[in-house]
Amino acid sequence: MAGKKRAGWKKFEACGSCGYKGGFHLALQRRAGGQVSVKLKCPSCAKAFDLGWKIRL
């Protein structure tokens, strides 16, 4: 989808807690029914951001 914006998506470049701009780690959390929540975690301050991303493994 290069060049297209998806509805409800926004740019997420810096940690809203500490301002770190070097990228994020991924944190996975198992949920019921085989779903996994995907969260972004700041490597500087460890704040986790839940953007509502879900996958099924």
PDB file of N, CA and C in Angstrom:
ATOM      1  N   MET A   1       0.816  -1.199   0.000  1.00  0.00           N
ATOM      2  CA  MET A   1       0.000   0.000   0.000  1.00  0.00           C
ATOM      3  C   MET A   1       0.857   1.259   0.000  1.00  0.00           C
ATOM      4  N   ALA A   2       1.952   1.225  -0.648  1.00  0.00           N
ATOM      5  CA  ALA A   2       2.835   2.374  -0.692  1.00  0.00           C
ATOM      6  C   ALA A   2       2.102   3.580  -1.250  1.00  0.00           C
ATOM      7  N   GLY A   3       2.238   4.694  -0.556  1.00  0.00           N
ATOM      8  CA  GLY A   3       1.632   5.928  -1.016  1.00  0.00           C
ATOM      9  C   GLY A   3       0.183   6.122  -0.616  1.00  0.00           C
ATOM     10  N   LYS A   4      -0.459   5.118  -0.052  1.00  0.00           N
ATOM     11  CA  LYS A   4      -1.855   5.243   0.352  1.00  0.00           C
ATOM     12  C   LYS A   4      -1.958   5.299   1.869  1.00  0.00           C
ATOM     13  N   LYS A   5      -2.873   6.119   2.372  1.00  0.00           N
ATOM     14  CA  LYS A   5      -3.124   6.178   3.803  1.00  0.00           C
ATOM     15  C   LYS A   5      -4.297   5.277   4.136  1.00  0.00           C
ATOM     16  N   ARG A   6      -4.191   4.567   5.228  1.00  0.00           N
ATOM     17  CA  ARG A   6      -5.288   3.717   5.670  1.00  0.00           C
ATOM     18  C   ARG A   6      -6.092   4.477   6.703  1.00  0.00           C
ATOM     19  N   ALA A   7      -7.382   4.354   6.642  1.00  0.00           N
ATOM     20  CA  ALA A   7      -8.275   5.050   7.573  1.00  0.00           C
ATOM     21  C   ALA A   7      -7.940   4.660   9.004  1.00  0.00           C
ATOM     22  N   GLY A   8      -7.835   5.649   9.876  1.00  0.00           N
ATOM     23  CA  GLY A   8      -7.575   5.404  11.286  1.00  0.00           C
ATOM     24  C   GLY A   8      -6.102   5.225  11.633  1.00  0.00           C
ATOM     25  N   TRP A   9      -5.211   5.254  10.648  1.00  0.00           N
ATOM     26  CA  TRP A   9      -3.785   5.091  10.920  1.00  0.00           C
ATOM     27  C   TRP A   9      -3.129   6.444  11.040  1.00  0.00           C
ATOM     28  N   LYS A  10      -2.171   6.550  11.933  1.00  0.00           N
ATOM     29  CA  LYS A  10      -1.399   7.779  12.050  1.00  0.00           C
ATOM     30  C   LYS A  10       0.077   7.420  12.173  1.00  0.00           C
ATOM     31  N   LYS A  11       0.921   8.370  11.923  1.00  0.00           N
ATOM     32  CA  LYS A  11       2.354   8.159  12.022  1.00  0.00           C
ATOM     33  C   LYS A  11       2.734   7.992  13.491  1.00  0.00           C
ATOM     34  N   PHE A  12       3.535   7.002  13.779  1.00  0.00           N
ATOM     35  CA  PHE A  12       3.936   6.711  15.157  1.00  0.00           C
ATOM     36  C   PHE A  12       5.455   6.610  15.163  1.00  0.00           C
ATOM     37  N   GLU A  13       6.131   7.740  15.363  1.00  0.00           N
ATOM     38  CA  GLU A  13       7.584   7.784  15.228  1.00  0.00           C
ATOM     39  C   GLU A  13       8.345   7.948  16.526  1.00  0.00           C
ATOM     40  N   ALA A  14       7.735   8.525  17.541  1.00  0.00           N
ATOM     41  CA  ALA A  14       8.435   8.798  18.798  1.00  0.00           C
ATOM     42  C   ALA A  14       7.592   8.332  19.978  1.00  0.00           C
ATOM     43  N   CYS A  15       8.274   7.932  21.039  1.00  0.00           N
ATOM     44  CA  CYS A  15       7.592   7.515  22.259  1.00  0.00           C
ATOM     45  C   CYS A  15       6.892   8.725  22.878  1.00  0.00           C
ATOM     46  N   GLY A  16       5.616   8.584  23.155  1.00  0.00           N
ATOM     47  CA  GLY A  16       4.846   9.662  23.765  1.00  0.00           C
ATOM     48  C   GLY A  16       5.197   9.890  25.221  1.00  0.00           C
ATOM     49  N   SER A  17       5.916   8.965  25.817  1.00  0.00           N
ATOM     50  CA  SER A  17       6.287   9.076  27.223  1.00  0.00           C
ATOM     51  C   SER A  17       7.652   9.741  27.415  1.00  0.00           C
ATOM     52  N   CYS A  18       8.676   9.276  26.660  1.00  0.00           N
ATOM     53  CA  CYS A  18      10.031   9.806  26.872  1.00  0.00           C
ATOM     54  C   CYS A  18      10.608  10.521  25.653  1.00  0.00           C
ATOM     55  N   GLY A  19       9.944  10.421  24.498  1.00  0.00           N
ATOM     56  CA  GLY A  19      10.405  11.103  23.294  1.00  0.00           C
ATOM     57  C   GLY A  19      11.426  10.342  22.466  1.00  0.00           C
ATOM     58  N   TYR A  20      11.761   9.113  22.852  1.00  0.00           N
ATOM     59  CA  TYR A  20      12.732   8.298  22.119  1.00  0.00           C
ATOM     60  C   TYR A  20      12.279   8.122  20.670  1.00  0.00           C
ATOM     61  N   LYS A  21      13.226   8.283  19.722  1.00  0.00           N
ATOM     62  CA  LYS A  21      12.885   8.212  18.298  1.00  0.00           C
ATOM     63  C   LYS A  21      13.638   7.124  17.546  1.00  0.00           C
ATOM     64  N   GLY A  22      14.205   6.154  18.237  1.00  0.00           N
ATOM     65  CA  GLY A  22      15.024   5.136  17.585  1.00  0.00           C
ATOM     66  C   GLY A  22      14.280   3.878  17.189  1.00  0.00           C
ATOM     67  N   GLY A  23      12.955   3.890  17.176  1.00  0.00           N
ATOM     68  CA  GLY A  23      12.177   2.715  16.813  1.00  0.00           C
ATOM     69  C   GLY A  23      11.632   1.997  18.038  1.00  0.00           C
ATOM     70  N   PHE A  24      10.814   0.994  17.801  1.00  0.00           N
ATOM     71  CA  PHE A  24      10.139   0.282  18.884  1.00  0.00           C
ATOM     72  C   PHE A  24      10.386  -1.213  18.780  1.00  0.00           C
ATOM     73  N   HIS A  25      10.306  -1.876  19.916  1.00  0.00           N
ATOM     74  CA  HIS A  25      10.323  -3.332  19.953  1.00  0.00           C
ATOM     75  C   HIS A  25       8.885  -3.813  19.852  1.00  0.00           C
ATOM     76  N   LEU A  26       8.686  -5.052  19.461  1.00  0.00           N
ATOM     77  CA  LEU A  26       7.358  -5.657  19.445  1.00  0.00           C
ATOM     78  C   LEU A  26       7.195  -6.537  20.677  1.00  0.00           C
ATOM     79  N   ALA A  27       6.045  -6.457  21.296  1.00  0.00           N
ATOM     80  CA  ALA A  27       5.708  -7.327  22.422  1.00  0.00           C
ATOM     81  C   ALA A  27       4.454  -8.092  22.030  1.00  0.00           C
ATOM     82  N   LEU A  28       4.464  -9.408  22.226  1.00  0.00           N
ATOM     83  CA  LEU A  28       3.334 -10.259  21.876  1.00  0.00           C
ATOM     84  C   LEU A  28       2.690 -10.788  23.150  1.00  0.00           C
ATOM     85  N   GLN A  29       1.357 -10.768  23.179  1.00  0.00           N
ATOM     86  CA  GLN A  29       0.616 -11.258  24.341  1.00  0.00           C
ATOM     87  C   GLN A  29      -0.458 -12.227  23.867  1.00  0.00           C
ATOM     88  N   ARG A  30      -0.390 -13.465  24.339  1.00  0.00           N
ATOM     89  CA  ARG A  30      -1.394 -14.469  23.959  1.00  0.00           C
ATOM     90  C   ARG A  30      -2.751 -14.109  24.531  1.00  0.00           C
ATOM     91  N   ARG A  31      -3.787 -14.310  23.718  1.00  0.00           N
ATOM     92  CA  ARG A  31      -5.166 -14.056  24.121  1.00  0.00           C
ATOM     93  C   ARG A  31      -5.969 -15.337  23.926  1.00  0.00           C
ATOM     94  N   ALA A  32      -7.179 -15.326  24.367  1.00  0.00           N
ATOM     95  CA  ALA A  32      -8.069 -16.484  24.207  1.00  0.00           C
ATOM     96  C   ALA A  32      -8.355 -16.745  22.731  1.00  0.00           C
ATOM     97  N   GLY A  33      -8.604 -18.000  22.393  1.00  0.00           N
ATOM     98  CA  GLY A  33      -9.001 -18.351  21.034  1.00  0.00           C
ATOM     99  C   GLY A  33      -7.871 -18.323  20.025  1.00  0.00           C
ATOM    100  N   GLY A  34      -6.623 -18.381  20.482  1.00  0.00           N
ATOM    101  CA  GLY A  34      -5.499 -18.399  19.559  1.00  0.00           C
ATOM    102  C   GLY A  34      -5.067 -17.039  19.046  1.00  0.00           C
ATOM    103  N   GLN A  35      -5.702 -15.972  19.506  1.00  0.00           N
ATOM    104  CA  GLN A  35      -5.305 -14.639  19.074  1.00  0.00           C
ATOM    105  C   GLN A  35      -4.093 -14.167  19.866  1.00  0.00           C
ATOM    106  N   VAL A  36      -3.316 -13.285  19.246  1.00  0.00           N
ATOM    107  CA  VAL A  36      -2.155 -12.683  19.884  1.00  0.00           C
ATOM    108  C   VAL A  36      -2.257 -11.173  19.697  1.00  0.00           C
ATOM    109  N   SER A  37      -2.120 -10.426  20.774  1.00  0.00           N
ATOM    110  CA  SER A  37      -2.079  -8.964  20.702  1.00  0.00           C
ATOM    111  C   SER A  37      -0.643  -8.544  20.426  1.00  0.00           C
ATOM    112  N   VAL A  38      -0.473  -7.614  19.504  1.00  0.00           N
ATOM    113  CA  VAL A  38       0.842  -7.086  19.163  1.00  0.00           C
ATOM    114  C   VAL A  38       0.915  -5.656  19.695  1.00  0.00           C
ATOM    115  N   LYS A  39       1.907  -5.396  20.527  1.00  0.00           N
ATOM    116  CA  LYS A  39       2.069  -4.059  21.105  1.00  0.00           C
ATOM    117  C   LYS A  39       3.441  -3.514  20.760  1.00  0.00           C
ATOM    118  N   LEU A  40       3.570  -2.202  20.722  1.00  0.00           N
ATOM    119  CA  LEU A  40       4.862  -1.559  20.527  1.00  0.00           C
ATOM    120  C   LEU A  40       5.409  -1.199  21.897  1.00  0.00           C
ATOM    121  N   LYS A  41       6.702  -1.480  22.119  1.00  0.00           N
ATOM    122  CA  LYS A  41       7.314  -1.197  23.415  1.00  0.00           C
ATOM    123  C   LYS A  41       8.557  -0.340  23.210  1.00  0.00           C
ATOM    124  N   CYS A  42       8.640   0.751  23.944  1.00  0.00           N
ATOM    125  CA  CYS A  42       9.776   1.656  23.846  1.00  0.00           C
ATOM    126  C   CYS A  42      10.996   1.009  24.513  1.00  0.00           C
ATOM    127  N   PRO A  43      12.115   0.893  23.789  1.00  0.00           N
ATOM    128  CA  PRO A  43      13.301   0.291  24.385  1.00  0.00           C
ATOM    129  C   PRO A  43      13.996   1.205  25.393  1.00  0.00           C
ATOM    130  N   SER A  44      13.627   2.476  25.414  1.00  0.00           N
ATOM    131  CA  SER A  44      14.261   3.418  26.324  1.00  0.00           C
ATOM    132  C   SER A  44      13.579   3.445  27.701  1.00  0.00           C
ATOM    133  N   CYS A  45      12.239   3.579  27.714  1.00  0.00           N
ATOM    134  CA  CYS A  45      11.532   3.711  29.002  1.00  0.00           C
ATOM    135  C   CYS A  45      10.618   2.521  29.310  1.00  0.00           C
ATOM    136  N   ALA A  46      10.470   1.577  28.376  1.00  0.00           N
ATOM    137  CA  ALA A  46       9.664   0.351  28.523  1.00  0.00           C
ATOM    138  C   ALA A  46       8.158   0.591  28.490  1.00  0.00           C
ATOM    139  N   LYS A  47       7.713   1.777  28.111  1.00  0.00           N
ATOM    140  CA  LYS A  47       6.273   2.050  27.976  1.00  0.00           C
ATOM    141  C   LYS A  47       5.729   1.221  26.812  1.00  0.00           C
ATOM    142  N   ALA A  48       4.596   0.563  27.033  1.00  0.00           N
ATOM    143  CA  ALA A  48       3.958  -0.245  25.990  1.00  0.00           C
ATOM    144  C   ALA A  48       2.778   0.515  25.395  1.00  0.00           C
ATOM    145  N   PHE A  49       2.634   0.425  24.080  1.00  0.00           N
ATOM    146  CA  PHE A  49       1.549   1.087  23.369  1.00  0.00           C
ATOM    147  C   PHE A  49       0.704   0.034  22.665  1.00  0.00           C
ATOM    148  N   ASP A  50      -0.574  -0.024  22.995  1.00  0.00           N
ATOM    149  CA  ASP A  50      -1.494  -0.977  22.384  1.00  0.00           C
ATOM    150  C   ASP A  50      -2.265  -0.249  21.292  1.00  0.00           C
ATOM    151  N   LEU A  51      -1.966  -0.581  20.041  1.00  0.00           N
ATOM    152  CA  LEU A  51      -2.619   0.060  18.894  1.00  0.00           C
ATOM    153  C   LEU A  51      -3.781  -0.769  18.367  1.00  0.00           C
ATOM    154  N   GLY A  52      -4.116  -1.839  19.087  1.00  0.00           N
ATOM    155  CA  GLY A  52      -5.243  -2.669  18.687  1.00  0.00           C
ATOM    156  C   GLY A  52      -4.907  -3.715  17.640  1.00  0.00           C
ATOM    157  N   TRP A  53      -3.614  -3.945  17.390  1.00  0.00           N
ATOM    158  CA  TRP A  53      -3.209  -4.935  16.395  1.00  0.00           C
ATOM    159  C   TRP A  53      -3.397  -6.338  16.972  1.00  0.00           C
ATOM    160  N   LYS A  54      -4.006  -7.212  16.204  1.00  0.00           N
ATOM    161  CA  LYS A  54      -4.225  -8.607  16.615  1.00  0.00           C
ATOM    162  C   LYS A  54      -3.850  -9.517  15.459  1.00  0.00           C
ATOM    163  N   ILE A  55      -3.249 -10.659  15.794  1.00  0.00           N
ATOM    164  CA  ILE A  55      -2.922 -11.676  14.801  1.00  0.00           C
ATOM    165  C   ILE A  55      -3.374 -13.030  15.330  1.00  0.00           C
ATOM    166  N   ARG A  56      -3.427 -13.989  14.465  1.00  0.00           N
ATOM    167  CA  ARG A  56      -3.767 -15.367  14.858  1.00  0.00           C
ATOM    168  C   ARG A  56      -2.600 -16.247  14.453  1.00  0.00           C
ATOM    169  N   LEU A  57      -2.100 -17.032  15.392  1.00  0.00           N
ATOM    170  CA  LEU A  57      -0.972 -17.946  15.109  1.00  0.00           C
ATOM    171  C   LEU A  57      -1.469 -19.363  14.999  1.00  0.00           C
TER     172      LEU A  57
END
